[in-house]
PDB file of N, CA and C in Angstrom:
ATOM      1  N   MET A   1     -52.320  -4.277   6.289  1.00  0.00           N
ATOM      2  CA  MET A   1     -51.466  -3.198   6.671  1.00  0.00           C
ATOM      3  C   MET A   1     -50.176  -3.599   7.253  1.00  0.00           C
ATOM      4  N   SER A   2     -50.180  -4.669   8.031  1.00  0.00           N
ATOM      5  CA  SER A   2     -48.933  -5.116   8.713  1.00  0.00           C
ATOM      6  C   SER A   2     -47.951  -5.680   7.712  1.00  0.00           C
ATOM      7  N   LYS A   3     -48.419  -6.238   6.572  1.00  0.00           N
ATOM      8  CA  LYS A   3     -47.468  -6.782   5.614  1.00  0.00           C
ATOM      9  C   LYS A   3     -46.653  -5.543   4.969  1.00  0.00           C
ATOM     10  N   HIS A   4     -47.399  -4.506   4.677  1.00  0.00           N
ATOM     11  CA  HIS A   4     -46.794  -3.257   4.132  1.00  0.00           C
ATOM     12  C   HIS A   4     -45.780  -2.689   5.013  1.00  0.00           C
ATOM     13  N   VAL A   5     -46.018  -2.644   6.361  1.00  0.00           N
ATOM     14  CA  VAL A   5     -45.126  -2.139   7.328  1.00  0.00           C
ATOM     15  C   VAL A   5     -43.841  -3.045   7.353  1.00  0.00           C
ATOM     16  N   PHE A   6     -44.053  -4.351   7.342  1.00  0.00           N
ATOM     17  CA  PHE A   6     -42.922  -5.289   7.378  1.00  0.00           C
ATOM     18  C   PHE A   6     -42.053  -5.032   6.165  1.00  0.00           C
ATOM     19  N   TYR A   7     -42.677  -5.017   4.913  1.00  0.00           N
ATOM     20  CA  TYR A   7     -41.851  -4.774   3.770  1.00  0.00           C
ATOM     21  C   TYR A   7     -41.113  -3.433   3.801  1.00  0.00           C
ATOM     22  N   ILE A   8     -41.776  -2.409   4.203  1.00  0.00           N
ATOM     23  CA  ILE A   8     -41.069  -1.079   4.305  1.00  0.00           C
ATOM     24  C   ILE A   8     -39.877  -1.226   5.231  1.00  0.00           C
ATOM     25  N   ILE A   9     -40.130  -1.784   6.386  1.00  0.00           N
ATOM     26  CA  ILE A   9     -38.955  -1.975   7.351  1.00  0.00           C
ATOM     27  C   ILE A   9     -37.864  -2.787   6.779  1.00  0.00           C
ATOM     28  N   ALA A  10     -38.212  -3.873   6.104  1.00  0.00           N
ATOM     29  CA  ALA A  10     -37.249  -4.742   5.500  1.00  0.00           C
ATOM     30  C   ALA A  10     -36.400  -3.980   4.505  1.00  0.00           C
ATOM     31  N   ILE A  11     -37.115  -3.201   3.632  1.00  0.00           N
ATOM     32  CA  ILE A  11     -36.400  -2.458   2.584  1.00  0.00           C
ATOM     33  C   ILE A  11     -35.493  -1.356   3.202  1.00  0.00           C
ATOM     34  N   ILE A  12     -35.971  -0.729   4.263  1.00  0.00           N
ATOM     35  CA  ILE A  12     -35.163   0.289   4.873  1.00  0.00           C
ATOM     36  C   ILE A  12     -33.961  -0.372   5.546  1.00  0.00           C
ATOM     37  N   LEU A  13     -34.086  -1.515   6.207  1.00  0.00           N
ATOM     38  CA  LEU A  13     -32.988  -2.166   6.750  1.00  0.00           C
ATOM     39  C   LEU A  13     -31.929  -2.618   5.713  1.00  0.00           C
ATOM     40  N   LEU A  14     -32.428  -3.161   4.602  1.00  0.00           N
ATOM     41  CA  LEU A  14     -31.552  -3.518   3.486  1.00  0.00           C
ATOM     42  C   LEU A  14     -30.768  -2.352   2.953  1.00  0.00           C
ATOM     43  N   ALA A  15     -31.495  -1.236   2.859  1.00  0.00           N
ATOM     44  CA  ALA A  15     -30.847  -0.033   2.347  1.00  0.00           C
ATOM     45  C   ALA A  15     -29.729   0.456   3.303  1.00  0.00           C
ATOM     46  N   ILE A  16     -30.025   0.346   4.606  1.00  0.00           N
ATOM     47  CA  ILE A  16     -29.026   0.714   5.592  1.00  0.00           C
ATOM     48  C   ILE A  16     -27.829  -0.131   5.479  1.00  0.00           C
ATOM     49  N   VAL A  17     -28.072  -1.550   5.425  1.00  0.00           N
ATOM     50  CA  VAL A  17     -26.977  -2.417   5.241  1.00  0.00           C
ATOM     51  C   VAL A  17     -26.106  -2.119   3.996  1.00  0.00           C
ATOM     52  N   CYS A  18     -26.873  -1.797   2.874  1.00  0.00           N
ATOM     53  CA  CYS A  18     -26.098  -1.536   1.628  1.00  0.00           C
ATOM     54  C   CYS A  18     -25.300  -0.254   1.815  1.00  0.00           C
ATOM     55  N   VAL A  19     -25.801   0.760   2.387  1.00  0.00           N
ATOM     56  CA  VAL A  19     -25.012   1.945   2.586  1.00  0.00           C
ATOM     57  C   VAL A  19     -23.847   1.739   3.519  1.00  0.00           C
ATOM     58  N   VAL A  20     -24.009   1.026   4.603  1.00  0.00           N
ATOM     59  CA  VAL A  20     -22.889   0.759   5.441  1.00  0.00           C
ATOM     60  C   VAL A  20     -21.799  -0.033   4.725  1.00  0.00           C
ATOM     61  N   ASP A  21     -22.229  -1.045   3.988  1.00  0.00           N
ATOM     62  CA  ASP A  21     -21.275  -1.876   3.232  1.00  0.00           C
ATOM     63  C   ASP A  21     -20.520  -0.969   2.148  1.00  0.00           C
ATOM     64  N   PHE A  22     -21.300  -0.112   1.522  1.00  0.00           N
ATOM     65  CA  PHE A  22     -20.678   0.788   0.574  1.00  0.00           C
ATOM     66  C   PHE A  22     -19.616   1.737   1.186  1.00  0.00           C
ATOM     67  N   MET A  23     -19.917   2.197   2.444  1.00  0.00           N
ATOM     68  CA  MET A  23     -19.018   3.092   3.152  1.00  0.00           C
ATOM     69  C   MET A  23     -17.737   2.351   3.566  1.00  0.00           C
ATOM     70  N   ARG A  24     -18.005   1.079   4.012  1.00  0.00           N
ATOM     71  CA  ARG A  24     -16.822   0.255   4.386  1.00  0.00           C
ATOM     72  C   ARG A  24     -15.943  -0.057   3.225  1.00  0.00           C
ATOM     73  N   ILE A  25     -16.571  -0.391   2.034  1.00  0.00           N
ATOM     74  CA  ILE A  25     -15.749  -0.643   0.827  1.00  0.00           C
ATOM     75  C   ILE A  25     -15.000   0.544   0.445  1.00  0.00           C
ATOM     76  N   ASN A  26     -15.569   1.711   0.480  1.00  0.00           N
ATOM     77  CA  ASN A  26     -14.844   3.000   0.165  1.00  0.00           C
ATOM     78  C   ASN A  26     -13.640   3.262   1.108  1.00  0.00           C
ATOM     79  N   LYS A  27     -13.907   2.960   2.363  1.00  0.00           N
ATOM     80  CA  LYS A  27     -12.807   3.199   3.337  1.00  0.00           C
ATOM     81  C   LYS A  27     -11.762   2.224   3.105  1.00  0.00           C
ATOM     82  N   LEU A  28     -12.006   0.886   2.735  1.00  0.00           N
ATOM     83  CA  LEU A  28     -10.987  -0.032   2.402  1.00  0.00           C
ATOM     84  C   LEU A  28     -10.244   0.283   1.151  1.00  0.00           C
ATOM     85  N   GLN A  29     -10.971   0.812   0.219  1.00  0.00           N
ATOM     86  CA  GLN A  29     -10.276   1.241  -1.028  1.00  0.00           C
ATOM     87  C   GLN A  29      -9.331   2.358  -0.828  1.00  0.00           C
ATOM     88  N   ASP A  30      -9.702   3.247   0.031  1.00  0.00           N
ATOM     89  CA  ASP A  30      -8.848   4.380   0.410  1.00  0.00           C
ATOM     90  C   ASP A  30      -7.569   3.884   1.087  1.00  0.00           C
ATOM     91  N   GLU A  31      -7.726   2.957   2.061  1.00  0.00           N
ATOM     92  CA  GLU A  31      -6.660   2.345   2.668  1.00  0.00           C
ATOM     93  C   GLU A  31      -5.755   1.589   1.806  1.00  0.00           C
ATOM     94  N   LEU A  32      -6.328   0.895   0.868  1.00  0.00           N
ATOM     95  CA  LEU A  32      -5.506   0.179  -0.131  1.00  0.00           C
ATOM     96  C   LEU A  32      -4.715   1.145  -1.027  1.00  0.00           C
ATOM     97  N   THR A  33      -5.344   2.192  -1.363  1.00  0.00           N
ATOM     98  CA  THR A  33      -4.632   3.257  -2.220  1.00  0.00           C
ATOM     99  C   THR A  33      -3.476   3.812  -1.387  1.00  0.00           C
ATOM    100  N   ASP A  34      -3.680   4.188  -0.158  1.00  0.00           N
ATOM    101  CA  ASP A  34      -2.641   4.691   0.693  1.00  0.00           C
ATOM    102  C   ASP A  34      -1.489   3.685   0.843  1.00  0.00           C
ATOM    103  N   ALA A  35      -1.810   2.427   1.025  1.00  0.00           N
ATOM    104  CA  ALA A  35      -0.752   1.339   1.188  1.00  0.00           C
ATOM    105  C   ALA A  35       0.049   1.206  -0.100  1.00  0.00           C
ATOM    106  N   ARG A  36      -0.631   1.280  -1.223  1.00  0.00           N
ATOM    107  CA  ARG A  36       0.048   1.163  -2.469  1.00  0.00           C
ATOM    108  C   ARG A  36       0.950   2.325  -2.727  1.00  0.00           C
ATOM    109  N   LYS A  37       0.559   3.600  -2.342  1.00  0.00           N
ATOM    110  CA  LYS A  37       1.400   4.711  -2.478  1.00  0.00           C
ATOM    111  C   LYS A  37       2.607   4.566  -1.497  1.00  0.00           C
ATOM    112  N   GLN A  38       2.461   4.101  -0.295  1.00  0.00           N
ATOM    113  CA  GLN A  38       3.503   3.927   0.573  1.00  0.00           C
ATOM    114  C   GLN A  38       4.558   2.781   0.076  1.00  0.00           C
ATOM    115  N   ILE A  39       4.022   1.761  -0.468  1.00  0.00           N
ATOM    116  CA  ILE A  39       4.890   0.764  -0.974  1.00  0.00           C
ATOM    117  C   ILE A  39       5.622   1.307  -2.162  1.00  0.00           C
ATOM    118  N   GLU A  40       5.054   2.014  -3.034  1.00  0.00           N
ATOM    119  CA  GLU A  40       5.710   2.632  -4.178  1.00  0.00           C
ATOM    120  C   GLU A  40       6.836   3.577  -3.715  1.00  0.00           C
ATOM    121  N   ALA A  41       6.561   4.378  -2.688  1.00  0.00           N
ATOM    122  CA  ALA A  41       7.538   5.302  -2.168  1.00  0.00           C
ATOM    123  C   ALA A  41       8.739   4.559  -1.617  1.00  0.00           C
ATOM    124  N   GLU A  42       8.446   3.437  -0.905  1.00  0.00           N
ATOM    125  CA  GLU A  42       9.519   2.693  -0.255  1.00  0.00           C
ATOM    126  C   GLU A  42      10.357   1.990  -1.326  1.00  0.00           C
ATOM    127  N   PHE A  43       9.676   1.488  -2.329  1.00  0.00           N
ATOM    128  CA  PHE A  43      10.380   0.882  -3.489  1.00  0.00           C
ATOM    129  C   PHE A  43      11.316   1.875  -4.224  1.00  0.00           C
ATOM    130  N   ASP A  44      10.744   3.105  -4.378  1.00  0.00           N
ATOM    131  CA  ASP A  44      11.603   4.129  -4.979  1.00  0.00           C
ATOM    132  C   ASP A  44      12.801   4.437  -4.194  1.00  0.00           C
ATOM    133  N   ALA A  45      12.677   4.473  -2.855  1.00  0.00           N
ATOM    134  CA  ALA A  45      13.768   4.816  -1.976  1.00  0.00           C
ATOM    135  C   ALA A  45      14.825   3.679  -2.003  1.00  0.00           C
ATOM    136  N   VAL A  46      14.390   2.465  -2.063  1.00  0.00           N
ATOM    137  CA  VAL A  46      15.357   1.364  -2.148  1.00  0.00           C
ATOM    138  C   VAL A  46      16.093   1.441  -3.522  1.00  0.00           C
ATOM    139  N   GLU A  47      15.312   1.728  -4.542  1.00  0.00           N
ATOM    140  CA  GLU A  47      15.906   1.867  -5.894  1.00  0.00           C
ATOM    141  C   GLU A  47      16.998   2.937  -5.919  1.00  0.00           C
ATOM    142  N   TRP A  48      16.613   4.087  -5.299  1.00  0.00           N
ATOM    143  CA  TRP A  48      17.607   5.251  -5.279  1.00  0.00           C
ATOM    144  C   TRP A  48      18.847   4.853  -4.478  1.00  0.00           C
ATOM    145  N   LYS A  49      18.639   4.105  -3.272  1.00  0.00           N
ATOM    146  CA  LYS A  49      19.788   3.744  -2.481  1.00  0.00           C
ATOM    147  C   LYS A  49      20.639   2.795  -3.297  1.00  0.00           C
ATOM    148  N   LEU A  50      20.160   1.875  -4.004  1.00  0.00           N
ATOM    149  CA  LEU A  50      20.861   0.996  -4.821  1.00  0.00           C
ATOM    150  C   LEU A  50      21.578   1.737  -5.928  1.00  0.00           C
ATOM    151  N   ASP A  51      20.969   2.597  -6.517  1.00  0.00           N
ATOM    152  CA  ASP A  51      21.657   3.411  -7.588  1.00  0.00           C
ATOM    153  C   ASP A  51      22.827   4.251  -6.968  1.00  0.00           C
ATOM    154  N   ALA A  52      22.615   4.749  -5.786  1.00  0.00           N
ATOM    155  CA  ALA A  52      23.639   5.521  -5.161  1.00  0.00           C
ATOM    156  C   ALA A  52      24.843   4.647  -4.799  1.00  0.00           C
ATOM    157  N   SER A  53      24.573   3.414  -4.378  1.00  0.00           N
ATOM    158  CA  SER A  53      25.625   2.511  -3.971  1.00  0.00           C
ATOM    159  C   SER A  53      26.439   2.192  -5.240  1.00  0.00           C
ATOM    160  N   ILE A  54      25.759   1.798  -6.273  1.00  0.00           N
ATOM    161  CA  ILE A  54      26.346   1.499  -7.540  1.00  0.00           C
ATOM    162  C   ILE A  54      27.199   2.656  -8.088  1.00  0.00           C
ATOM    163  N   TYR A  55      26.640   3.832  -8.003  1.00  0.00           N
ATOM    164  CA  TYR A  55      27.415   5.049  -8.383  1.00  0.00           C
ATOM    165  C   TYR A  55      28.689   5.220  -7.589  1.00  0.00           C
ATOM    166  N   LYS A  56      28.573   4.963  -6.311  1.00  0.00           N
ATOM    167  CA  LYS A  56      29.710   5.139  -5.410  1.00  0.00           C
ATOM    168  C   LYS A  56      30.850   4.086  -5.784  1.00  0.00           C
ATOM    169  N   LYS A  57      30.504   2.920  -6.029  1.00  0.00           N
ATOM    170  CA  LYS A  57      31.474   1.872  -6.421  1.00  0.00           C
ATOM    171  C   LYS A  57      32.070   2.229  -7.757  1.00  0.00           C
ATOM    172  N   ASP A  58      31.225   2.746  -8.710  1.00  0.00           N
ATOM    173  CA  ASP A  58      31.728   3.113 -10.026  1.00  0.00           C
ATOM    174  C   ASP A  58      32.728   4.217  -9.930  1.00  0.00           C
ATOM    175  N   ALA A  59      32.377   5.220  -9.116  1.00  0.00           N
ATOM    176  CA  ALA A  59      33.297   6.333  -8.854  1.00  0.00           C
ATOM    177  C   ALA A  59      34.581   5.970  -8.275  1.00  0.00           C
ATOM    178  N   GLN A  60      34.494   5.033  -7.283  1.00  0.00           N
ATOM    179  CA  GLN A  60      35.700   4.495  -6.588  1.00  0.00           C
ATOM    180  C   GLN A  60      36.667   3.793  -7.682  1.00  0.00           C
ATOM    181  N   LEU A  61      35.984   2.945  -8.497  1.00  0.00           N
ATOM    182  CA  LEU A  61      36.853   2.231  -9.488  1.00  0.00           C
ATOM    183  C   LEU A  61      37.425   3.266 -10.505  1.00  0.00           C
ATOM    184  N   LEU A  62      36.606   4.252 -10.874  1.00  0.00           N
ATOM    185  CA  LEU A  62      37.166   5.211 -11.828  1.00  0.00           C
ATOM    186  C   LEU A  62      38.353   5.947 -11.204  1.00  0.00           C
ATOM    187  N   LEU A  63      38.209   6.429  -9.937  1.00  0.00           N
ATOM    188  CA  LEU A  63      39.327   7.122  -9.334  1.00  0.00           C
ATOM    189  C   LEU A  63      40.579   6.176  -9.271  1.00  0.00           C
ATOM    190  N   MET A  64      40.327   4.956  -8.878  1.00  0.00           N
ATOM    191  CA  MET A  64      41.394   4.044  -8.777  1.00  0.00           C
ATOM    192  C   MET A  64      42.104   3.824 -10.116  1.00  0.00           C
ATOM    193  N   ASN A  65      41.337   3.722 -11.177  1.00  0.00           N
ATOM    194  CA  ASN A  65      41.984   3.540 -12.489  1.00  0.00           C
ATOM    195  C   ASN A  65      42.636   4.787 -12.986  1.00  0.00           C
ATOM    196  N   GLN A  66      42.098   5.915 -12.746  1.00  0.00           N
ATOM    197  CA  GLN A  66      42.687   7.185 -13.147  1.00  0.00           C
ATOM    198  C   GLN A  66      43.951   7.576 -12.448  1.00  0.00           C
ATOM    199  N   ASN A  67      44.023   7.107 -11.125  1.00  0.00           N
ATOM    200  CA  ASN A  67      45.174   7.425 -10.336  1.00  0.00           C
ATOM    201  C   ASN A  67      45.940   6.161 -10.002  1.00  0.00           C
ATOM    202  N   PHE A  68      46.166   5.342 -11.036  1.00  0.00           N
ATOM    203  CA  PHE A  68      46.764   4.020 -10.853  1.00  0.00           C
ATOM    204  C   PHE A  68      48.110   4.117 -10.153  1.00  0.00           C
ATOM    205  N   GLY A  69      48.904   5.158 -10.457  1.00  0.00           N
ATOM    206  CA  GLY A  69      50.266   5.251  -9.930  1.00  0.00           C
ATOM    207  C   GLY A  69      50.301   5.892  -8.593  1.00  0.00           C
ATOM    208  N   ASN A  70      49.251   6.512  -8.128  1.00  0.00           N
ATOM    209  CA  ASN A  70      49.224   7.293  -6.871  1.00  0.00           C
ATOM    210  C   ASN A  70      48.934   6.372  -5.699  1.00  0.00           C
ATOM    211  N   PRO A  71      49.823   6.046  -4.883  1.00  0.00           N
ATOM    212  CA  PRO A  71      49.594   5.096  -3.740  1.00  0.00           C
ATOM    213  C   PRO A  71      48.660   5.646  -2.691  1.00  0.00           C
ATOM    214  N   ASN A  72      48.663   6.980  -2.559  1.00  0.00           N
ATOM    215  CA  ASN A  72      47.777   7.504  -1.507  1.00  0.00           C
ATOM    216  C   ASN A  72      46.340   7.395  -1.863  1.00  0.00           C
ATOM    217  N   ILE A  73      45.988   7.663  -3.207  1.00  0.00           N
ATOM    218  CA  ILE A  73      44.615   7.506  -3.648  1.00  0.00           C
ATOM    219  C   ILE A  73      44.226   6.008  -3.593  1.00  0.00           C
ATOM    220  N   HIS A  74      45.099   5.195  -4.019  1.00  0.00           N
ATOM    221  CA  HIS A  74      44.848   3.777  -4.099  1.00  0.00           C
ATOM    222  C   HIS A  74      44.591   3.222  -2.586  1.00  0.00           C
ATOM    223  N   LYS A  75      45.361   3.650  -1.636  1.00  0.00           N
ATOM    224  CA  LYS A  75      45.150   3.182  -0.238  1.00  0.00           C
ATOM    225  C   LYS A  75      43.832   3.757   0.260  1.00  0.00           C
ATOM    226  N   MET A  76      43.552   5.053  -0.020  1.00  0.00           N
ATOM    227  CA  MET A  76      42.289   5.659   0.467  1.00  0.00           C
ATOM    228  C   MET A  76      41.069   4.925  -0.097  1.00  0.00           C
ATOM    229  N   LEU A  77      41.075   4.582  -1.349  1.00  0.00           N
ATOM    230  CA  LEU A  77      39.940   3.894  -1.963  1.00  0.00           C
ATOM    231  C   LEU A  77      39.927   2.470  -1.462  1.00  0.00           C
ATOM    232  N   THR A  78      41.061   1.828  -1.317  1.00  0.00           N
ATOM    233  CA  THR A  78      40.989   0.443  -0.811  1.00  0.00           C
ATOM    234  C   THR A  78      40.486   0.362   0.647  1.00  0.00           C
ATOM    235  N   ASP A  79      40.826   1.367   1.411  1.00  0.00           N
ATOM    236  CA  ASP A  79      40.375   1.421   2.843  1.00  0.00           C
ATOM    237  C   ASP A  79      38.848   1.775   2.805  1.00  0.00           C
ATOM    238  N   SER A  80      38.388   2.545   1.882  1.00  0.00           N
ATOM    239  CA  SER A  80      36.937   2.873   1.785  1.00  0.00           C
ATOM    240  C   SER A  80      36.239   1.630   1.398  1.00  0.00           C
ATOM    241  N   CYS A  81      36.685   0.902   0.466  1.00  0.00           N
ATOM    242  CA  CYS A  81      35.983  -0.314   0.008  1.00  0.00           C
ATOM    243  C   CYS A  81      36.045  -1.382   1.178  1.00  0.00           C
ATOM    244  N   TYR A  82      37.095  -1.515   1.847  1.00  0.00           N
ATOM    245  CA  TYR A  82      37.204  -2.477   2.960  1.00  0.00           C
ATOM    246  C   TYR A  82      36.264  -2.065   4.053  1.00  0.00           C
ATOM    247  N   ASN A  83      36.125  -0.807   4.349  1.00  0.00           N
ATOM    248  CA  ASN A  83      35.252  -0.413   5.470  1.00  0.00           C
ATOM    249  C   ASN A  83      33.832  -0.582   5.077  1.00  0.00           C
ATOM    250  N   ASP A  84      33.502  -0.441   3.806  1.00  0.00           N
ATOM    251  CA  ASP A  84      32.058  -0.745   3.288  1.00  0.00           C
ATOM    252  C   ASP A  84      31.798  -2.231   3.487  1.00  0.00           C
ATOM    253  N   CYS A  85      32.742  -3.083   3.142  1.00  0.00           N
ATOM    254  CA  CYS A  85      32.545  -4.538   3.257  1.00  0.00           C
ATOM    255  C   CYS A  85      32.378  -4.946   4.775  1.00  0.00           C
ATOM    256  N   LEU A  86      33.049  -4.363   5.648  1.00  0.00           N
ATOM    257  CA  LEU A  86      32.989  -4.611   7.061  1.00  0.00           C
ATOM    258  C   LEU A  86      31.648  -4.211   7.535  1.00  0.00           C
ATOM    259  N   LYS A  87      31.195  -2.985   7.087  1.00  0.00           N
ATOM    260  CA  LYS A  87      29.843  -2.479   7.515  1.00  0.00           C
ATOM    261  C   LYS A  87      28.816  -3.374   7.131  1.00  0.00           C
ATOM    262  N   TYR A  88      28.806  -3.890   5.886  1.00  0.00           N
ATOM    263  CA  TYR A  88      27.746  -4.765   5.464  1.00  0.00           C
ATOM    264  C   TYR A  88      27.795  -6.141   5.974  1.00  0.00           C
ATOM    265  N   ARG A  89      29.015  -6.609   6.271  1.00  0.00           N
ATOM    266  CA  ARG A  89      29.077  -7.926   6.994  1.00  0.00           C
ATOM    267  C   ARG A  89      28.541  -7.801   8.348  1.00  0.00           C
ATOM    268  N   LYS A  90      28.803  -6.772   9.110  1.00  0.00           N
ATOM    269  CA  LYS A  90      28.250  -6.548  10.439  1.00  0.00           C
ATOM    270  C   LYS A  90      26.806  -6.367  10.322  1.00  0.00           C
ATOM    271  N   LYS A  91      26.313  -5.633   9.423  1.00  0.00           N
ATOM    272  CA  LYS A  91      24.873  -5.367   9.321  1.00  0.00           C
ATOM    273  C   LYS A  91      24.096  -6.665   9.135  1.00  0.00           C
ATOM    274  N   TYR A  92      24.610  -7.582   8.307  1.00  0.00           N
ATOM    275  CA  TYR A  92      23.922  -8.767   8.027  1.00  0.00           C
ATOM    276  C   TYR A  92      24.345  -9.948   8.896  1.00  0.00           C
ATOM    277  N   GLY A  93      24.999  -9.734  10.052  1.00  0.00           N
ATOM    278  CA  GLY A  93      25.244 -10.806  10.985  1.00  0.00           C
ATOM    279  C   GLY A  93      26.411 -11.565  10.857  1.00  0.00           C
ATOM    280  N   LYS A  94      27.445 -11.126   9.932  1.00  0.00           N
ATOM    281  CA  LYS A  94      28.597 -11.874   9.785  1.00  0.00           C
ATOM    282  C   LYS A  94      29.786 -11.045  10.368  1.00  0.00           C
ATOM    283  N   GLU A  95      30.580 -11.700  11.053  1.00  0.00           N
ATOM    284  CA  GLU A  95      31.731 -11.078  11.665  1.00  0.00           C
ATOM    285  C   GLU A  95      32.800 -10.632  10.649  1.00  0.00           C
ATOM    286  N   GLY A  96      33.309  -9.460  10.700  1.00  0.00           N
ATOM    287  CA  GLY A  96      34.367  -9.040   9.791  1.00  0.00           C
ATOM    288  C   GLY A  96      35.667  -9.653  10.160  1.00  0.00           C
ATOM    289  N   THR A  97      36.451 -10.018   9.210  1.00  0.00           N
ATOM    290  CA  THR A  97      37.818 -10.511   9.519  1.00  0.00           C
ATOM    291  C   THR A  97      38.845  -9.502   9.092  1.00  0.00           C
ATOM    292  N   GLU A  98      39.915  -9.439   9.778  1.00  0.00           N
ATOM    293  CA  GLU A  98      40.905  -8.412   9.548  1.00  0.00           C
ATOM    294  C   GLU A  98      42.092  -9.063   8.828  1.00  0.00           C
TER     295      GLU A  98
END
């Protein structure tokens, strides 16, 4: 009789360990899925920012080319580009030169 009790207890303990491991694996899979979604969202945000930056530069070049003879537009766009350069130099640790 004691062998049967031992086997039953061993089987119950193994079942408990399996259930706990299964629950931990499910929790880790959920966390992994959430992390993947967050990484994808951040990647999309970076891609949108890059696209917006490229669009801005293309728009500046288009305006500069369309208004080639207009010194006011030319100066405004030149100042805008210059300020962008200074902003990025400062952001990445390089001092802007005037």
